[in-house]
Amino acid sequence: MSLVEVRKYKLDLEESWHEGGPRLDKPLRVAVSSAVVKNPFAGRYEPDLLPFMAELRALGMELATRAVAALGGAQAVQAYGKAALVGEDGELEHGAVWHEAGGWAMRELLGEPKAIVPSAKSIGTLGTRLIIPLSHLHAAYVRSHFGAAEMTIWDGPRRNEIVFGLAMATGGRIHARVGGLAEKDVVGNDGLR
């Protein structure tokens, strides 16, 4: 029997045209793809979480595929992040299994980017808002792409659930102008520059 039992999926897509400055020719698009999953370890201590993490790879691929499609394909994605929100009967480590599973899926679909996938995880309850950090997928020093996306499920996570999410964006902050490595100058060999 599978350790991964999905109750629901959610896909959020936002388009931003400006933040008070000039209107963009194309909007910044941010997608958050998430799933509410039964926590197989709720209410008890499980010493071996690796089988759960391995099974979550399929969920990671499902969520990554949905986000990439919503943004118009892998070539459109410039920033990414991931998050897990564990219900009250779980522990933070139950959300940490998403580091490998969620990150792997995005890397697989986006052409093996080298930059670290930023993440957030917390314990929460129904409707908890979790802010997912975003950064450039090829180079961590691209300041313009330090951003955020919100993951919220109105009826989750329940006490015995976990919400897993992936976020992707088609660019950096609108009207970014605080310096740092420019997106056009990224080499992308080491994940930093």
C-alpha atoms as a PDB file:
ATOM      1  CA  MET A   1       0.000   0.000   0.000  1.00  0.00           C
ATOM      2  CA  SER A   2       1.282   3.441  -0.906  1.00  0.00           C
ATOM      3  CA  LEU A   3       2.427   5.820   1.802  1.00  0.00           C
ATOM      4  CA  VAL A   4       1.259   8.773  -0.316  1.00  0.00           C
ATOM      5  CA  GLU A   5      -2.494   9.345  -0.181  1.00  0.00           C
ATOM      6  CA  VAL A   6      -3.571  12.656  -1.766  1.00  0.00           C
ATOM      7  CA  ARG A   7      -6.829  14.268  -0.608  1.00  0.00           C
ATOM      8  CA  LYS A   8      -6.714  17.260  -2.941  1.00  0.00           C
ATOM      9  CA  TYR A   9      -4.603  19.248  -5.368  1.00  0.00           C
ATOM     10  CA  LYS A  10      -4.506  23.004  -5.765  1.00  0.00           C
ATOM     11  CA  LEU A  11      -2.912  25.221  -8.414  1.00  0.00           C
ATOM     12  CA  ASP A  12      -2.638  28.978  -7.862  1.00  0.00           C
ATOM     13  CA  LEU A  13      -1.518  31.308 -10.635  1.00  0.00           C
ATOM     14  CA  GLU A  14      -0.989  35.017 -10.232  1.00  0.00           C
ATOM     15  CA  GLU A  15      -0.080  37.589 -12.861  1.00  0.00           C
ATOM     16  CA  SER A  16       1.389  40.947 -11.872  1.00  0.00           C
ATOM     17  CA  TRP A  17       1.665  43.786 -14.378  1.00  0.00           C
ATOM     18  CA  HIS A  18       3.241  46.519 -12.217  1.00  0.00           C
ATOM     19  CA  GLU A  19       3.905  47.602  -8.653  1.00  0.00           C
ATOM     20  CA  GLY A  20       3.276  51.294  -9.109  1.00  0.00           C
ATOM     21  CA  GLY A  21       5.883  51.793 -11.825  1.00  0.00           C
ATOM     22  CA  PRO A  22       5.588  51.339 -15.580  1.00  0.00           C
ATOM     23  CA  ARG A  23       3.339  48.526 -16.787  1.00  0.00           C
ATOM     24  CA  LEU A  24       5.265  45.480 -18.059  1.00  0.00           C
ATOM     25  CA  ASP A  25       4.905  44.224 -21.624  1.00  0.00           C
ATOM     26  CA  LYS A  26       4.401  40.718 -20.202  1.00  0.00           C
ATOM     27  CA  PRO A  27       3.258  40.015 -16.632  1.00  0.00           C
ATOM     28  CA  LEU A  28       5.325  38.318 -13.976  1.00  0.00           C
ATOM     29  CA  ARG A  29       3.615  34.972 -13.482  1.00  0.00           C
ATOM     30  CA  VAL A  30       3.948  32.931 -10.283  1.00  0.00           C
ATOM     31  CA  ALA A  31       2.502  29.428  -9.912  1.00  0.00           C
ATOM     32  CA  VAL A  32       2.107  27.448  -6.700  1.00  0.00           C
ATOM     33  CA  SER A  33       1.186  23.804  -7.135  1.00  0.00           C
ATOM     34  CA  SER A  34       0.276  21.977  -3.942  1.00  0.00           C
ATOM     35  CA  ALA A  35      -1.242  18.771  -2.610  1.00  0.00           C
ATOM     36  CA  VAL A  36      -2.819  17.812   0.687  1.00  0.00           C
ATOM     37  CA  VAL A  37      -1.519  14.399   1.716  1.00  0.00           C
ATOM     38  CA  LYS A  38      -2.382  12.103   4.602  1.00  0.00           C
ATOM     39  CA  ASN A  39       0.527  11.973   7.049  1.00  0.00           C
ATOM     40  CA  PRO A  40       1.262   8.252   7.483  1.00  0.00           C
ATOM     41  CA  PHE A  41       3.187   8.995  10.693  1.00  0.00           C
ATOM     42  CA  ALA A  42       0.722  11.352  12.419  1.00  0.00           C
ATOM     43  CA  GLY A  43       0.612  10.806  16.155  1.00  0.00           C
ATOM     44  CA  ARG A  44       3.615   8.478  16.341  1.00  0.00           C
ATOM     45  CA  TYR A  45       7.369   8.473  15.992  1.00  0.00           C
ATOM     46  CA  GLU A  46       8.739   6.733  12.888  1.00  0.00           C
ATOM     47  CA  PRO A  47      12.526   6.288  12.804  1.00  0.00           C
ATOM     48  CA  ASP A  48      12.753   5.614   9.042  1.00  0.00           C
ATOM     49  CA  LEU A  49      11.226   8.333   6.848  1.00  0.00           C
ATOM     50  CA  LEU A  50      13.176   7.415   3.703  1.00  0.00           C
ATOM     51  CA  PRO A  51      10.514   5.151   2.136  1.00  0.00           C
ATOM     52  CA  PHE A  52       7.994   8.028   2.397  1.00  0.00           C
ATOM     53  CA  MET A  53      10.515  10.427   0.862  1.00  0.00           C
ATOM     54  CA  ALA A  54      11.137   8.026  -2.036  1.00  0.00           C
ATOM     55  CA  GLU A  55       7.414   7.656  -2.776  1.00  0.00           C
ATOM     56  CA  LEU A  56       6.978  11.434  -2.709  1.00  0.00           C
ATOM     57  CA  ARG A  57       9.113  11.748  -5.852  1.00  0.00           C
ATOM     58  CA  ALA A  58       6.036  10.869  -7.955  1.00  0.00           C
ATOM     59  CA  LEU A  59       4.024  13.582  -6.205  1.00  0.00           C
ATOM     60  CA  GLY A  60       6.886  16.013  -6.757  1.00  0.00           C
ATOM     61  CA  MET A  61       6.826  15.269 -10.475  1.00  0.00           C
ATOM     62  CA  GLU A  62       3.035  15.727 -10.584  1.00  0.00           C
ATOM     63  CA  LEU A  63       3.176  19.109  -8.837  1.00  0.00           C
ATOM     64  CA  ALA A  64       6.174  20.302 -10.861  1.00  0.00           C
ATOM     65  CA  THR A  65       4.474  19.292 -14.115  1.00  0.00           C
ATOM     66  CA  ARG A  66       1.340  21.238 -13.180  1.00  0.00           C
ATOM     67  CA  ALA A  67       3.311  24.382 -12.297  1.00  0.00           C
ATOM     68  CA  VAL A  68       5.477  24.249 -15.429  1.00  0.00           C
ATOM     69  CA  ALA A  69       2.397  23.826 -17.621  1.00  0.00           C
ATOM     70  CA  ALA A  70       0.661  26.765 -15.931  1.00  0.00           C
ATOM     71  CA  LEU A  71       3.644  28.996 -16.682  1.00  0.00           C
ATOM     72  CA  GLY A  72       3.892  27.999 -20.345  1.00  0.00           C
ATOM     73  CA  GLY A  73       6.708  25.456 -20.252  1.00  0.00           C
ATOM     74  CA  ALA A  74      10.107  24.934 -18.649  1.00  0.00           C
ATOM     75  CA  GLN A  75      11.746  27.611 -20.805  1.00  0.00           C
ATOM     76  CA  ALA A  76       9.571  30.265 -19.112  1.00  0.00           C
ATOM     77  CA  VAL A  77      10.667  29.434 -15.540  1.00  0.00           C
ATOM     78  CA  GLN A  78      13.387  31.584 -13.948  1.00  0.00           C
ATOM     79  CA  ALA A  79      12.806  31.123 -10.194  1.00  0.00           C
ATOM     80  CA  TYR A  80      11.705  28.360  -7.875  1.00  0.00           C
ATOM     81  CA  GLY A  81      11.067  27.277  -4.283  1.00  0.00           C
ATOM     82  CA  LYS A  82       9.364  24.567  -2.243  1.00  0.00           C
ATOM     83  CA  ALA A  83       7.445  24.202   1.015  1.00  0.00           C
ATOM     84  CA  ALA A  84       5.810  21.750   3.400  1.00  0.00           C
ATOM     85  CA  LEU A  85       3.191  22.487   6.026  1.00  0.00           C
ATOM     86  CA  VAL A  86       2.673  19.699   8.567  1.00  0.00           C
ATOM     87  CA  GLY A  87      -0.565  19.275  10.519  1.00  0.00           C
ATOM     88  CA  GLU A  88      -0.529  19.361  14.322  1.00  0.00           C
ATOM     89  CA  ASP A  89      -0.216  15.597  14.855  1.00  0.00           C
ATOM     90  CA  GLY A  90       2.975  15.448  12.802  1.00  0.00           C
ATOM     91  CA  GLU A  91       6.496  16.693  13.304  1.00  0.00           C
ATOM     92  CA  LEU A  92       8.623  19.090  11.309  1.00  0.00           C
ATOM     93  CA  GLU A  93      10.781  16.225  10.059  1.00  0.00           C
ATOM     94  CA  HIS A  94       7.727  14.815   8.241  1.00  0.00           C
ATOM     95  CA  GLY A  95       7.837  17.950   6.095  1.00  0.00           C
ATOM     96  CA  ALA A  96      11.608  17.761   5.617  1.00  0.00           C
ATOM     97  CA  VAL A  97      11.160  14.699   3.373  1.00  0.00           C
ATOM     98  CA  TRP A  98      10.059  17.200   0.717  1.00  0.00           C
ATOM     99  CA  HIS A  99      13.555  18.691   0.373  1.00  0.00           C
ATOM    100  CA  GLU A 100      14.751  15.851  -1.814  1.00  0.00           C
ATOM    101  CA  ALA A 101      11.469  14.792  -3.436  1.00  0.00           C
ATOM    102  CA  GLY A 102      10.223  18.258  -4.388  1.00  0.00           C
ATOM    103  CA  GLY A 103      13.613  19.638  -5.340  1.00  0.00           C
ATOM    104  CA  TRP A 104      14.460  16.605  -7.458  1.00  0.00           C
ATOM    105  CA  ALA A 105      11.243  16.912  -9.472  1.00  0.00           C
ATOM    106  CA  MET A 106      11.781  20.575 -10.334  1.00  0.00           C
ATOM    107  CA  ARG A 107      15.403  19.981 -11.286  1.00  0.00           C
ATOM    108  CA  GLU A 108      14.372  17.081 -13.502  1.00  0.00           C
ATOM    109  CA  LEU A 109      11.773  19.125 -15.396  1.00  0.00           C
ATOM    110  CA  LEU A 110      13.753  22.364 -15.571  1.00  0.00           C
ATOM    111  CA  GLY A 111      16.948  20.964 -17.117  1.00  0.00           C
ATOM    112  CA  GLU A 112      19.003  20.260 -13.981  1.00  0.00           C
ATOM    113  CA  PRO A 113      19.525  23.808 -12.659  1.00  0.00           C
ATOM    114  CA  LYS A 114      22.441  24.100 -10.231  1.00  0.00           C
ATOM    115  CA  ALA A 115      21.195  26.675  -7.692  1.00  0.00           C
ATOM    116  CA  ILE A 116      19.841  25.511  -4.369  1.00  0.00           C
ATOM    117  CA  VAL A 117      16.048  25.330  -4.152  1.00  0.00           C
ATOM    118  CA  PRO A 118      15.003  27.585  -1.264  1.00  0.00           C
ATOM    119  CA  SER A 119      12.422  26.136   1.081  1.00  0.00           C
ATOM    120  CA  ALA A 120      10.101  26.720   3.994  1.00  0.00           C
ATOM    121  CA  LYS A 121       8.481  24.265   6.343  1.00  0.00           C
ATOM    122  CA  SER A 122       6.333  24.665   9.400  1.00  0.00           C
ATOM    123  CA  ILE A 123       3.649  23.139  11.582  1.00  0.00           C
ATOM    124  CA  GLY A 124       0.187  24.555  10.954  1.00  0.00           C
ATOM    125  CA  THR A 125      -3.542  24.075  10.882  1.00  0.00           C
ATOM    126  CA  LEU A 126      -6.472  24.816   8.571  1.00  0.00           C
ATOM    127  CA  GLY A 127      -5.810  27.835   6.390  1.00  0.00           C
ATOM    128  CA  THR A 128      -2.272  28.486   7.618  1.00  0.00           C
ATOM    129  CA  ARG A 129      -0.390  30.719   5.184  1.00  0.00           C
ATOM    130  CA  LEU A 130       3.138  29.651   4.401  1.00  0.00           C
ATOM    131  CA  ILE A 131       5.381  31.942   2.403  1.00  0.00           C
ATOM    132  CA  ILE A 132       7.643  30.078  -0.018  1.00  0.00           C
ATOM    133  CA  PRO A 133      10.962  31.779  -0.757  1.00  0.00           C
ATOM    134  CA  LEU A 134      11.922  32.045  -4.421  1.00  0.00           C
ATOM    135  CA  SER A 135      15.329  32.452  -6.002  1.00  0.00           C
ATOM    136  CA  HIS A 136      16.887  32.184  -9.444  1.00  0.00           C
ATOM    137  CA  LEU A 137      17.119  28.586 -10.579  1.00  0.00           C
ATOM    138  CA  HIS A 138      20.616  28.798 -12.061  1.00  0.00           C
ATOM    139  CA  ALA A 139      22.430  31.331  -9.865  1.00  0.00           C
ATOM    140  CA  ALA A 140      21.870  32.150  -6.199  1.00  0.00           C
ATOM    141  CA  TYR A 141      23.406  35.627  -6.479  1.00  0.00           C
ATOM    142  CA  VAL A 142      20.690  37.034  -8.752  1.00  0.00           C
ATOM    143  CA  ARG A 143      19.119  39.419  -6.217  1.00  0.00           C
ATOM    144  CA  SER A 144      16.280  40.441  -8.508  1.00  0.00           C
ATOM    145  CA  HIS A 145      14.828  36.944  -8.192  1.00  0.00           C
ATOM    146  CA  PHE A 146      14.697  36.855  -4.384  1.00  0.00           C
ATOM    147  CA  GLY A 147      10.941  36.716  -4.079  1.00  0.00           C
ATOM    148  CA  ALA A 148       8.084  34.908  -2.393  1.00  0.00           C
ATOM    149  CA  ALA A 149       4.911  33.005  -3.158  1.00  0.00           C
ATOM    150  CA  GLU A 150       2.051  32.138  -0.836  1.00  0.00           C
ATOM    151  CA  MET A 151       0.778  28.606  -0.234  1.00  0.00           C
ATOM    152  CA  THR A 152      -2.604  28.378   1.505  1.00  0.00           C
ATOM    153  CA  ILE A 153      -5.204  25.606   1.661  1.00  0.00           C
ATOM    154  CA  TRP A 154      -8.458  26.763   3.252  1.00  0.00           C
ATOM    155  CA  ASP A 155      -9.296  23.333   4.710  1.00  0.00           C
ATOM    156  CA  GLY A 156      -5.830  21.984   5.329  1.00  0.00           C
ATOM    157  CA  PRO A 157      -3.689  20.724   6.691  1.00  0.00           C
ATOM    158  CA  ARG A 158      -5.891  18.788   9.030  1.00  0.00           C
ATOM    159  CA  ARG A 159      -4.158  17.386  12.116  1.00  0.00           C
ATOM    160  CA  ASN A 160      -3.130  14.199  10.285  1.00  0.00           C
ATOM    161  CA  GLU A 161      -2.122  15.802   6.966  1.00  0.00           C
ATOM    162  CA  ILE A 162       0.777  17.518   5.245  1.00  0.00           C
ATOM    163  CA  VAL A 163       0.556  20.123   2.482  1.00  0.00           C
ATOM    164  CA  PHE A 164       3.438  19.857   0.026  1.00  0.00           C
ATOM    165  CA  GLY A 165       3.999  22.658  -2.467  1.00  0.00           C
ATOM    166  CA  LEU A 166       6.228  23.831  -5.290  1.00  0.00           C
ATOM    167  CA  ALA A 167       6.460  27.417  -6.515  1.00  0.00           C
ATOM    168  CA  MET A 168       7.864  28.747  -9.783  1.00  0.00           C
ATOM    169  CA  ALA A 169       8.030  32.179 -11.384  1.00  0.00           C
ATOM    170  CA  THR A 170       8.707  33.538 -14.855  1.00  0.00           C
ATOM    171  CA  GLY A 171      11.018  36.271 -13.567  1.00  0.00           C
ATOM    172  CA  GLY A 172      12.209  38.295 -10.650  1.00  0.00           C
ATOM    173  CA  ARG A 173      10.611  41.132  -8.750  1.00  0.00           C
ATOM    174  CA  ILE A 174       8.846  43.703 -10.866  1.00  0.00           C
ATOM    175  CA  HIS A 175      11.002  46.825 -11.300  1.00  0.00           C
ATOM    176  CA  ALA A 176      13.950  45.200  -9.425  1.00  0.00           C
ATOM    177  CA  ARG A 177      16.710  47.776  -9.110  1.00  0.00           C
ATOM    178  CA  VAL A 178      18.952  46.997  -6.138  1.00  0.00           C
ATOM    179  CA  GLY A 179      21.957  45.675  -8.052  1.00  0.00           C
ATOM    180  CA  GLY A 180      23.652  42.307  -7.887  1.00  0.00           C
ATOM    181  CA  LEU A 181      24.212  39.787 -10.639  1.00  0.00           C
ATOM    182  CA  ALA A 182      21.875  40.427 -13.570  1.00  0.00           C
ATOM    183  CA  GLU A 183      19.822  37.547 -14.948  1.00  0.00           C
ATOM    184  CA  LYS A 184      21.321  38.132 -18.404  1.00  0.00           C
ATOM    185  CA  ASP A 185      24.847  37.636 -16.995  1.00  0.00           C
ATOM    186  CA  VAL A 186      24.261  34.260 -15.335  1.00  0.00           C
ATOM    187  CA  VAL A 187      26.720  31.525 -16.323  1.00  0.00           C
ATOM    188  CA  GLY A 188      25.020  28.846 -14.208  1.00  0.00           C
ATOM    189  CA  ASN A 189      27.925  26.453 -13.694  1.00  0.00           C
ATOM    190  CA  ASP A 190      28.175  26.380  -9.892  1.00  0.00           C
ATOM    191  CA  GLY A 191      24.739  27.410  -8.676  1.00  0.00           C
ATOM    192  CA  LEU A 192      26.107  30.697  -7.390  1.00  0.00           C
ATOM    193  CA  ARG A 193      26.856  32.819 -10.454  1.00  0.00           C
END
